[in-house]
PDB file of N, CA and C in Angstrom:
ATOM      1  N   MET A   1     -50.918 -26.738   7.237  1.00  0.00           N
ATOM      2  CA  MET A   1     -51.740 -25.729   6.639  1.00  0.00           C
ATOM      3  C   MET A   1     -52.885 -26.342   5.846  1.00  0.00           C
ATOM      4  N   THR A   2     -52.584 -27.437   5.156  1.00  0.00           N
ATOM      5  CA  THR A   2     -53.611 -28.114   4.361  1.00  0.00           C
ATOM      6  C   THR A   2     -54.735 -28.624   5.269  1.00  0.00           C
ATOM      7  N   TYR A   3     -54.384 -29.179   6.414  1.00  0.00           N
ATOM      8  CA  TYR A   3     -55.398 -29.685   7.317  1.00  0.00           C
ATOM      9  C   TYR A   3     -56.262 -28.557   7.882  1.00  0.00           C
ATOM     10  N   LEU A   4     -55.675 -27.425   8.137  1.00  0.00           N
ATOM     11  CA  LEU A   4     -56.405 -26.290   8.623  1.00  0.00           C
ATOM     12  C   LEU A   4     -57.458 -25.799   7.605  1.00  0.00           C
ATOM     13  N   VAL A   5     -57.048 -25.773   6.345  1.00  0.00           N
ATOM     14  CA  VAL A   5     -57.982 -25.349   5.280  1.00  0.00           C
ATOM     15  C   VAL A   5     -59.095 -26.369   5.133  1.00  0.00           C
ATOM     16  N   ILE A   6     -58.763 -27.653   5.229  1.00  0.00           N
ATOM     17  CA  ILE A   6     -59.778 -28.685   5.114  1.00  0.00           C
ATOM     18  C   ILE A   6     -60.771 -28.580   6.254  1.00  0.00           C
ATOM     19  N   VAL A   7     -60.300 -28.386   7.464  1.00  0.00           N
ATOM     20  CA  VAL A   7     -61.184 -28.229   8.631  1.00  0.00           C
ATOM     21  C   VAL A   7     -62.072 -26.999   8.471  1.00  0.00           C
ATOM     22  N   ALA A   8     -61.525 -25.925   7.954  1.00  0.00           N
ATOM     23  CA  ALA A   8     -62.310 -24.698   7.736  1.00  0.00           C
ATOM     24  C   ALA A   8     -63.403 -24.935   6.693  1.00  0.00           C
ATOM     25  N   PHE A   9     -63.064 -25.628   5.616  1.00  0.00           N
ATOM     26  CA  PHE A   9     -64.084 -25.907   4.593  1.00  0.00           C
ATOM     27  C   PHE A   9     -65.178 -26.811   5.147  1.00  0.00           C
ATOM     28  N   VAL A  10     -64.807 -27.774   5.955  1.00  0.00           N
ATOM     29  CA  VAL A  10     -65.820 -28.652   6.576  1.00  0.00           C
ATOM     30  C   VAL A  10     -66.697 -27.826   7.514  1.00  0.00           C
ATOM     31  N   ALA A  11     -66.135 -26.911   8.268  1.00  0.00           N
ATOM     32  CA  ALA A  11     -66.929 -26.056   9.147  1.00  0.00           C
ATOM     33  C   ALA A  11     -67.875 -25.173   8.330  1.00  0.00           C
ATOM     34  N   ILE A  12     -67.399 -24.632   7.228  1.00  0.00           N
ATOM     35  CA  ILE A  12     -68.243 -23.806   6.368  1.00  0.00           C
ATOM     36  C   ILE A  12     -69.385 -24.616   5.800  1.00  0.00           C
ATOM     37  N   LEU A  13     -69.099 -25.798   5.302  1.00  0.00           N
ATOM     38  CA  LEU A  13     -70.148 -26.636   4.718  1.00  0.00           C
ATOM     39  C   LEU A  13     -71.107 -27.130   5.804  1.00  0.00           C
ATOM     40  N   GLY A  14     -70.596 -27.441   6.976  1.00  0.00           N
ATOM     41  CA  GLY A  14     -71.479 -27.866   8.083  1.00  0.00           C
ATOM     42  C   GLY A  14     -72.425 -26.747   8.492  1.00  0.00           C
ATOM     43  N   SER A  15     -71.925 -25.536   8.560  1.00  0.00           N
ATOM     44  CA  SER A  15     -72.793 -24.403   8.909  1.00  0.00           C
ATOM     45  C   SER A  15     -73.832 -24.180   7.829  1.00  0.00           C
ATOM     46  N   LEU A  16     -73.424 -24.321   6.573  1.00  0.00           N
ATOM     47  CA  LEU A  16     -74.390 -24.159   5.471  1.00  0.00           C
ATOM     48  C   LEU A  16     -75.451 -25.246   5.536  1.00  0.00           C
ATOM     49  N   ALA A  17     -75.056 -26.475   5.851  1.00  0.00           N
ATOM     50  CA  ALA A  17     -76.025 -27.562   5.981  1.00  0.00           C
ATOM     51  C   ALA A  17     -76.963 -27.319   7.156  1.00  0.00           C
ATOM     52  N   ALA A  18     -76.467 -26.789   8.243  1.00  0.00           N
ATOM     53  CA  ALA A  18     -77.336 -26.474   9.409  1.00  0.00           C
ATOM     54  C   ALA A  18     -78.355 -25.399   9.026  1.00  0.00           C
ATOM     55  N   ALA A  19     -77.933 -24.385   8.277  1.00  0.00           N
ATOM     56  CA  ALA A  19     -78.851 -23.354   7.834  1.00  0.00           C
ATOM     57  C   ALA A  19     -79.940 -23.950   6.917  1.00  0.00           C
ATOM     58  N   LEU A  20     -79.516 -24.858   6.036  1.00  0.00           N
ATOM     59  CA  LEU A  20     -80.470 -25.529   5.154  1.00  0.00           C
ATOM     60  C   LEU A  20     -81.482 -26.330   5.970  1.00  0.00           C
ATOM     61  N   PHE A  21     -81.012 -27.026   6.994  1.00  0.00           N
ATOM     62  CA  PHE A  21     -81.900 -27.808   7.861  1.00  0.00           C
ATOM     63  C   PHE A  21     -82.910 -26.914   8.547  1.00  0.00           C
ATOM     64  N   PHE A  22     -82.461 -25.786   9.090  1.00  0.00           N
ATOM     65  CA  PHE A  22     -83.390 -24.863   9.770  1.00  0.00           C
ATOM     66  C   PHE A  22     -84.360 -24.261   8.775  1.00  0.00           C
ATOM     67  N   MET A  23     -83.906 -23.986   7.552  1.00  0.00           N
ATOM     68  CA  MET A  23     -84.791 -23.424   6.537  1.00  0.00           C
ATOM     69  C   MET A  23     -85.842 -24.433   6.112  1.00  0.00           C
ATOM     70  N   MET A  24     -85.437 -25.683   5.909  1.00  0.00           N
ATOM     71  CA  MET A  24     -86.363 -26.717   5.420  1.00  0.00           C
ATOM     72  C   MET A  24     -87.333 -27.161   6.523  1.00  0.00           C
ATOM     73  N   ARG A  25     -86.956 -26.976   7.762  1.00  0.00           N
ATOM     74  CA  ARG A  25     -87.815 -27.361   8.871  1.00  0.00           C
ATOM     75  C   ARG A  25     -89.090 -26.527   8.865  1.00  0.00           C
ATOM     76  N   GLY A  26     -89.010 -25.356   8.304  1.00  0.00           N
ATOM     77  CA  GLY A  26     -90.216 -24.516   8.191  1.00  0.00           C
ATOM     78  C   GLY A  26     -90.422 -23.679   9.424  1.00  0.00           C
ATOM     79  N   SER A  27     -91.284 -22.691   9.274  1.00  0.00           N
ATOM     80  CA  SER A  27     -91.620 -21.844  10.402  1.00  0.00           C
ATOM     81  C   SER A  27     -93.094 -22.018  10.682  1.00  0.00           C
ATOM     82  N   GLY A  28     -93.392 -23.007  11.487  1.00  0.00           N
ATOM     83  CA  GLY A  28     -94.770 -23.258  11.878  1.00  0.00           C
ATOM     84  C   GLY A  28     -95.235 -22.194  12.841  1.00  0.00           C
ATOM     85  N   PRO A  29     -96.498 -22.253  13.219  1.00  0.00           N
ATOM     86  CA  PRO A  29     -97.013 -21.253  14.167  1.00  0.00           C
ATOM     87  C   PRO A  29     -96.353 -21.429  15.542  1.00  0.00           C
ATOM     88  N   LEU A  30     -96.036 -20.314  16.141  1.00  0.00           N
ATOM     89  CA  LEU A  30     -95.440 -20.327  17.462  1.00  0.00           C
ATOM     90  C   LEU A  30     -96.541 -20.559  18.513  1.00  0.00           C
ATOM     91  N   ASP A  31     -96.149 -21.071  19.627  1.00  0.00           N
ATOM     92  CA  ASP A  31     -97.092 -21.346  20.724  1.00  0.00           C
ATOM     93  C   ASP A  31     -97.506 -20.014  21.379  1.00  0.00           C
ATOM     94  N   PRO A  32     -98.804 -19.650  21.306  1.00  0.00           N
ATOM     95  CA  PRO A  32     -99.210 -18.378  21.906  1.00  0.00           C
ATOM     96  C   PRO A  32     -99.108 -18.370  23.415  1.00  0.00           C
ATOM     97  N   ASN A  33     -99.093 -19.560  24.039  1.00  0.00           N
ATOM     98  CA  ASN A  33     -99.016 -19.633  25.500  1.00  0.00           C
ATOM     99  C   ASN A  33     -97.581 -19.493  26.005  1.00  0.00           C
ATOM    100  N   ASN A  34     -96.613 -19.550  25.085  1.00  0.00           N
ATOM    101  CA  ASN A  34     -95.183 -19.436  25.461  1.00  0.00           C
ATOM    102  C   ASN A  34     -94.549 -18.311  24.662  1.00  0.00           C
ATOM    103  N   PRO A  35     -94.580 -17.076  25.224  1.00  0.00           N
ATOM    104  CA  PRO A  35     -94.009 -15.944  24.441  1.00  0.00           C
ATOM    105  C   PRO A  35     -92.491 -15.992  24.374  1.00  0.00           C
ATOM    106  N   GLN A  36     -91.850 -16.861  25.181  1.00  0.00           N
ATOM    107  CA  GLN A  36     -90.406 -16.944  25.152  1.00  0.00           C
ATOM    108  C   GLN A  36     -89.876 -17.859  24.068  1.00  0.00           C
ATOM    109  N   GLU A  37     -90.770 -18.527  23.350  1.00  0.00           N
ATOM    110  CA  GLU A  37     -90.319 -19.424  22.287  1.00  0.00           C
ATOM    111  C   GLU A  37     -89.621 -18.668  21.178  1.00  0.00           C
ATOM    112  N   VAL A  38     -88.483 -19.201  20.764  1.00  0.00           N
ATOM    113  CA  VAL A  38     -87.621 -18.516  19.779  1.00  0.00           C
ATOM    114  C   VAL A  38     -88.159 -18.794  18.374  1.00  0.00           C
ATOM    115  N   SER A  39     -88.137 -17.784  17.545  1.00  0.00           N
ATOM    116  CA  SER A  39     -88.520 -17.963  16.146  1.00  0.00           C
ATOM    117  C   SER A  39     -87.554 -18.919  15.487  1.00  0.00           C
ATOM    118  N   ARG A  40     -88.040 -19.718  14.541  1.00  0.00           N
ATOM    119  CA  ARG A  40     -87.197 -20.685  13.890  1.00  0.00           C
ATOM    120  C   ARG A  40     -86.251 -20.087  12.860  1.00  0.00           C
ATOM    121  N   SER A  41     -86.485 -18.871  12.459  1.00  0.00           N
ATOM    122  CA  SER A  41     -85.567 -18.234  11.503  1.00  0.00           C
ATOM    123  C   SER A  41     -84.286 -17.748  12.217  1.00  0.00           C
ATOM    124  N   LYS A  42     -84.347 -17.595  13.519  1.00  0.00           N
ATOM    125  CA  LYS A  42     -83.183 -17.127  14.266  1.00  0.00           C
ATOM    126  C   LYS A  42     -82.016 -18.111  14.179  1.00  0.00           C
ATOM    127  N   PRO A  43     -82.242 -19.419  14.381  1.00  0.00           N
ATOM    128  CA  PRO A  43     -81.094 -20.359  14.239  1.00  0.00           C
ATOM    129  C   PRO A  43     -80.531 -20.398  12.826  1.00  0.00           C
ATOM    130  N   MET A  44     -81.404 -20.209  11.832  1.00  0.00           N
ATOM    131  CA  MET A  44     -80.907 -20.212  10.446  1.00  0.00           C
ATOM    132  C   MET A  44     -80.019 -18.990  10.217  1.00  0.00           C
ATOM    133  N   ALA A  45     -80.425 -17.846  10.709  1.00  0.00           N
ATOM    134  CA  ALA A  45     -79.604 -16.634  10.534  1.00  0.00           C
ATOM    135  C   ALA A  45     -78.292 -16.766  11.298  1.00  0.00           C
ATOM    136  N   LYS A  46     -78.312 -17.404  12.464  1.00  0.00           N
ATOM    137  CA  LYS A  46     -77.102 -17.609  13.223  1.00  0.00           C
ATOM    138  C   LYS A  46     -76.145 -18.549  12.483  1.00  0.00           C
ATOM    139  N   ALA A  47     -76.693 -19.630  11.881  1.00  0.00           N
ATOM    140  CA  ALA A  47     -75.857 -20.553  11.136  1.00  0.00           C
ATOM    141  C   ALA A  47     -75.234 -19.877   9.907  1.00  0.00           C
ATOM    142  N   LEU A  48     -75.998 -19.042   9.231  1.00  0.00           N
ATOM    143  CA  LEU A  48     -75.453 -18.315   8.082  1.00  0.00           C
ATOM    144  C   LEU A  48     -74.402 -17.293   8.509  1.00  0.00           C
ATOM    145  N   ALA A  49     -74.626 -16.672   9.635  1.00  0.00           N
ATOM    146  CA  ALA A  49     -73.631 -15.721  10.164  1.00  0.00           C
ATOM    147  C   ALA A  49     -72.338 -16.431  10.521  1.00  0.00           C
ATOM    148  N   MET A  50     -72.469 -17.624  11.066  1.00  0.00           N
ATOM    149  CA  MET A  50     -71.249 -18.417  11.373  1.00  0.00           C
ATOM    150  C   MET A  50     -70.542 -18.820  10.112  1.00  0.00           C
ATOM    151  N   ARG A  51     -71.266 -19.130   9.060  1.00  0.00           N
ATOM    152  CA  ARG A  51     -70.649 -19.480   7.809  1.00  0.00           C
ATOM    153  C   ARG A  51     -69.850 -18.314   7.240  1.00  0.00           C
ATOM    154  N   VAL A  52     -70.398 -17.134   7.309  1.00  0.00           N
ATOM    155  CA  VAL A  52     -69.686 -15.944   6.832  1.00  0.00           C
ATOM    156  C   VAL A  52     -68.458 -15.700   7.714  1.00  0.00           C
ATOM    157  N   GLY A  53     -68.598 -15.905   9.004  1.00  0.00           N
ATOM    158  CA  GLY A  53     -67.457 -15.744   9.908  1.00  0.00           C
ATOM    159  C   GLY A  53     -66.350 -16.725   9.627  1.00  0.00           C
ATOM    160  N   PHE A  54     -66.704 -18.000   9.395  1.00  0.00           N
ATOM    161  CA  PHE A  54     -65.709 -19.014   9.037  1.00  0.00           C
ATOM    162  C   PHE A  54     -65.030 -18.681   7.732  1.00  0.00           C
ATOM    163  N   SER A  55     -65.790 -18.176   6.766  1.00  0.00           N
ATOM    164  CA  SER A  55     -65.192 -17.824   5.469  1.00  0.00           C
ATOM    165  C   SER A  55     -64.193 -16.674   5.606  1.00  0.00           C
ATOM    166  N   VAL A  56     -64.569 -15.652   6.360  1.00  0.00           N
ATOM    167  CA  VAL A  56     -63.650 -14.532   6.586  1.00  0.00           C
ATOM    168  C   VAL A  56     -62.427 -14.974   7.344  1.00  0.00           C
ATOM    169  N   LEU A  57     -62.618 -15.818   8.355  1.00  0.00           N
ATOM    170  CA  LEU A  57     -61.480 -16.320   9.112  1.00  0.00           C
ATOM    171  C   LEU A  57     -60.542 -17.147   8.236  1.00  0.00           C
ATOM    172  N   LEU A  58     -61.092 -17.972   7.373  1.00  0.00           N
ATOM    173  CA  LEU A  58     -60.251 -18.760   6.462  1.00  0.00           C
ATOM    174  C   LEU A  58     -59.462 -17.845   5.531  1.00  0.00           C
ATOM    175  N   PHE A  59     -60.099 -16.793   4.999  1.00  0.00           N
ATOM    176  CA  PHE A  59     -59.411 -15.848   4.154  1.00  0.00           C
ATOM    177  C   PHE A  59     -58.267 -15.181   4.861  1.00  0.00           C
ATOM    178  N   LEU A  60     -58.510 -14.757   6.128  1.00  0.00           N
ATOM    179  CA  LEU A  60     -57.482 -14.090   6.892  1.00  0.00           C
ATOM    180  C   LEU A  60     -56.330 -15.027   7.256  1.00  0.00           C
ATOM    181  N   VAL A  61     -56.639 -16.270   7.513  1.00  0.00           N
ATOM    182  CA  VAL A  61     -55.591 -17.230   7.841  1.00  0.00           C
ATOM    183  C   VAL A  61     -54.715 -17.488   6.614  1.00  0.00           C
ATOM    184  N   VAL A  62     -55.334 -17.642   5.448  1.00  0.00           N
ATOM    185  CA  VAL A  62     -54.567 -17.859   4.200  1.00  0.00           C
ATOM    186  C   VAL A  62     -53.706 -16.624   3.890  1.00  0.00           C
ATOM    187  N   LEU A  63     -54.282 -15.440   4.073  1.00  0.00           N
ATOM    188  CA  LEU A  63     -53.523 -14.216   3.832  1.00  0.00           C
ATOM    189  C   LEU A  63     -52.348 -14.110   4.808  1.00  0.00           C
ATOM    190  N   PHE A  64     -52.552 -14.416   6.071  1.00  0.00           N
ATOM    191  CA  PHE A  64     -51.489 -14.387   7.058  1.00  0.00           C
ATOM    192  C   PHE A  64     -50.403 -15.413   6.716  1.00  0.00           C
ATOM    193  N   ALA A  65     -50.823 -16.612   6.313  1.00  0.00           N
ATOM    194  CA  ALA A  65     -49.860 -17.676   5.959  1.00  0.00           C
ATOM    195  C   ALA A  65     -49.018 -17.240   4.736  1.00  0.00           C
ATOM    196  N   TYR A  66     -49.621 -16.544   3.815  1.00  0.00           N
ATOM    197  CA  TYR A  66     -48.898 -16.062   2.653  1.00  0.00           C
ATOM    198  C   TYR A  66     -47.851 -15.019   3.068  1.00  0.00           C
ATOM    199  N   PHE A  67     -48.244 -14.070   3.914  1.00  0.00           N
ATOM    200  CA  PHE A  67     -47.299 -13.044   4.359  1.00  0.00           C
ATOM    201  C   PHE A  67     -46.182 -13.598   5.225  1.00  0.00           C
ATOM    202  N   MET A  68     -46.439 -14.691   5.964  1.00  0.00           N
ATOM    203  CA  MET A  68     -45.417 -15.304   6.793  1.00  0.00           C
ATOM    204  C   MET A  68     -44.509 -16.234   5.970  1.00  0.00           C
ATOM    205  N   GLY A  69     -44.866 -16.514   4.731  1.00  0.00           N
ATOM    206  CA  GLY A  69     -44.042 -17.354   3.895  1.00  0.00           C
ATOM    207  C   GLY A  69     -44.330 -18.844   4.039  1.00  0.00           C
ATOM    208  N   TRP A  70     -45.396 -19.195   4.730  1.00  0.00           N
ATOM    209  CA  TRP A  70     -45.721 -20.615   4.930  1.00  0.00           C
ATOM    210  C   TRP A  70     -46.300 -21.231   3.673  1.00  0.00           C
ATOM    211  N   ILE A  71     -46.927 -20.432   2.816  1.00  0.00           N
ATOM    212  CA  ILE A  71     -47.467 -20.922   1.551  1.00  0.00           C
ATOM    213  C   ILE A  71     -46.945 -20.005   0.438  1.00  0.00           C
ATOM    214  N   GLN A  72     -46.788 -20.550  -0.752  1.00  0.00           N
ATOM    215  CA  GLN A  72     -46.291 -19.795  -1.891  1.00  0.00           C
ATOM    216  C   GLN A  72     -47.283 -19.954  -3.045  1.00  0.00           C
ATOM    217  N   PRO A  73     -47.509 -18.871  -3.791  1.00  0.00           N
ATOM    218  CA  PRO A  73     -48.386 -18.998  -4.958  1.00  0.00           C
ATOM    219  C   PRO A  73     -47.621 -19.781  -6.061  1.00  0.00           C
ATOM    220  N   THR A  74     -48.373 -20.642  -6.740  1.00  0.00           N
ATOM    221  CA  THR A  74     -47.725 -21.411  -7.812  1.00  0.00           C
ATOM    222  C   THR A  74     -48.015 -20.832  -9.173  1.00  0.00           C
ATOM    223  N   GLY A  75     -49.130 -20.125  -9.305  1.00  0.00           N
ATOM    224  CA  GLY A  75     -49.459 -19.514 -10.607  1.00  0.00           C
ATOM    225  C   GLY A  75     -49.925 -20.569 -11.621  1.00  0.00           C
ATOM    226  N   MET A  76     -50.250 -20.087 -12.777  1.00  0.00           N
ATOM    227  CA  MET A  76     -50.684 -20.936 -13.865  1.00  0.00           C
ATOM    228  C   MET A  76     -49.522 -21.192 -14.810  1.00  0.00           C
ATOM    229  N   PRO A  77     -49.229 -22.450 -15.125  1.00  0.00           N
ATOM    230  CA  PRO A  77     -48.150 -22.705 -16.061  1.00  0.00           C
ATOM    231  C   PRO A  77     -48.518 -22.215 -17.474  1.00  0.00           C
ATOM    232  N   MET A  78     -47.545 -21.622 -18.167  1.00  0.00           N
ATOM    233  CA  MET A  78     -47.793 -21.108 -19.500  1.00  0.00           C
ATOM    234  C   MET A  78     -47.559 -22.192 -20.538  1.00  0.00           C
TER     235      MET A  78
END
Protein backbone atom coordinates (compact mmCIF):
# COMPACT_ATOMS: atom_id res chain seq x y z
CA MET A 1 0.00 0.00 0.00
CA THR A 2 2.86 2.35 0.81
CA TYR A 3 4.42 1.83 -2.61
CA LEU A 4 1.11 2.52 -4.32
CA VAL A 5 0.73 5.84 -2.49
CA ILE A 6 4.32 6.79 -3.33
CA VAL A 7 3.78 6.00 -7.02
CA ALA A 8 0.55 8.03 -7.00
CA PHE A 9 2.30 11.02 -5.43
CA VAL A 10 5.09 10.81 -8.00
CA ALA A 11 2.48 10.71 -10.79
CA ILE A 12 0.71 13.74 -9.31
CA LEU A 13 3.95 15.70 -9.02
CA GLY A 14 5.05 14.64 -12.49
CA SER A 15 1.79 15.84 -13.98
CA LEU A 16 2.11 19.12 -12.11
CA ALA A 17 5.67 19.53 -13.41
CA ALA A 18 4.48 18.84 -16.96
CA ALA A 19 1.80 21.52 -16.62
CA LEU A 20 4.43 23.94 -15.33
CA PHE A 21 6.65 23.14 -18.31
CA PHE A 22 3.82 23.78 -20.78
CA MET A 23 2.91 27.00 -18.98
CA MET A 24 6.48 28.30 -18.91
CA ARG A 25 7.04 27.40 -22.55
CA GLY A 26 4.68 30.22 -23.42
CA SER A 27 2.08 30.58 -26.09
CA GLY A 28 3.82 32.01 -29.08
CA PRO A 29 1.99 32.87 -32.27
CA LEU A 30 0.53 29.90 -34.09
CA ASP A 31 1.49 29.19 -37.68
CA PRO A 32 -1.21 30.76 -39.91
CA ASN A 33 -0.32 28.33 -42.72
CA ASN A 34 -1.11 25.32 -40.50
CA PRO A 35 -4.63 25.57 -39.04
CA GLN A 36 -4.29 22.09 -37.53
CA GLU A 37 -1.59 23.22 -35.10
CA VAL A 38 -2.66 22.64 -31.51
CA SER A 39 -2.75 25.51 -29.06
CA ARG A 40 -0.05 25.25 -26.41
CA SER A 41 -2.52 25.73 -23.56
CA LYS A 42 -4.25 22.46 -24.45
CA PRO A 43 -1.38 20.22 -23.20
CA MET A 44 -1.22 22.25 -19.98
CA ALA A 45 -4.94 21.79 -19.38
CA LYS A 46 -4.61 18.07 -20.11
CA ALA A 47 -1.73 17.73 -17.63
CA LEU A 48 -3.71 19.55 -14.93
CA ALA A 49 -6.74 17.38 -15.62
CA MET A 50 -4.57 14.29 -15.24
CA ARG A 51 -3.29 15.65 -11.92
CA VAL A 52 -6.82 16.05 -10.64
CA GLY A 53 -7.66 12.56 -11.88
CA PHE A 54 -4.63 11.05 -10.11
CA SER A 55 -5.56 12.88 -6.90
CA VAL A 56 -9.14 11.62 -6.98
CA LEU A 57 -7.94 8.10 -7.79
CA LEU A 58 -5.49 8.19 -4.86
CA PHE A 59 -8.27 9.35 -2.53
CA LEU A 60 -10.57 6.55 -3.69
CA VAL A 61 -7.84 3.93 -3.32
CA VAL A 62 -7.06 5.06 0.24
CA LEU A 63 -10.77 5.09 1.08
CA PHE A 64 -11.21 1.59 -0.39
CA ALA A 65 -8.15 0.32 1.51
CA TYR A 66 -9.59 1.71 4.75
CA PHE A 67 -12.95 0.00 4.23
CA MET A 68 -11.22 -3.29 3.34
CA GLY A 69 -9.17 -3.11 6.54
CA TRP A 70 -5.81 -2.94 4.78
CA ILE A 71 -4.92 0.32 6.55
CA GLN A 72 -5.88 1.53 10.01
CA PRO A 73 -6.08 5.09 11.31
CA THR A 74 -3.54 5.76 14.05
CA GLY A 75 -4.87 9.08 15.32
CA MET A 76 -2.99 11.67 17.30
CA PRO A 77 -1.46 10.55 20.60
CA MET A 78 -2.76 12.51 23.58
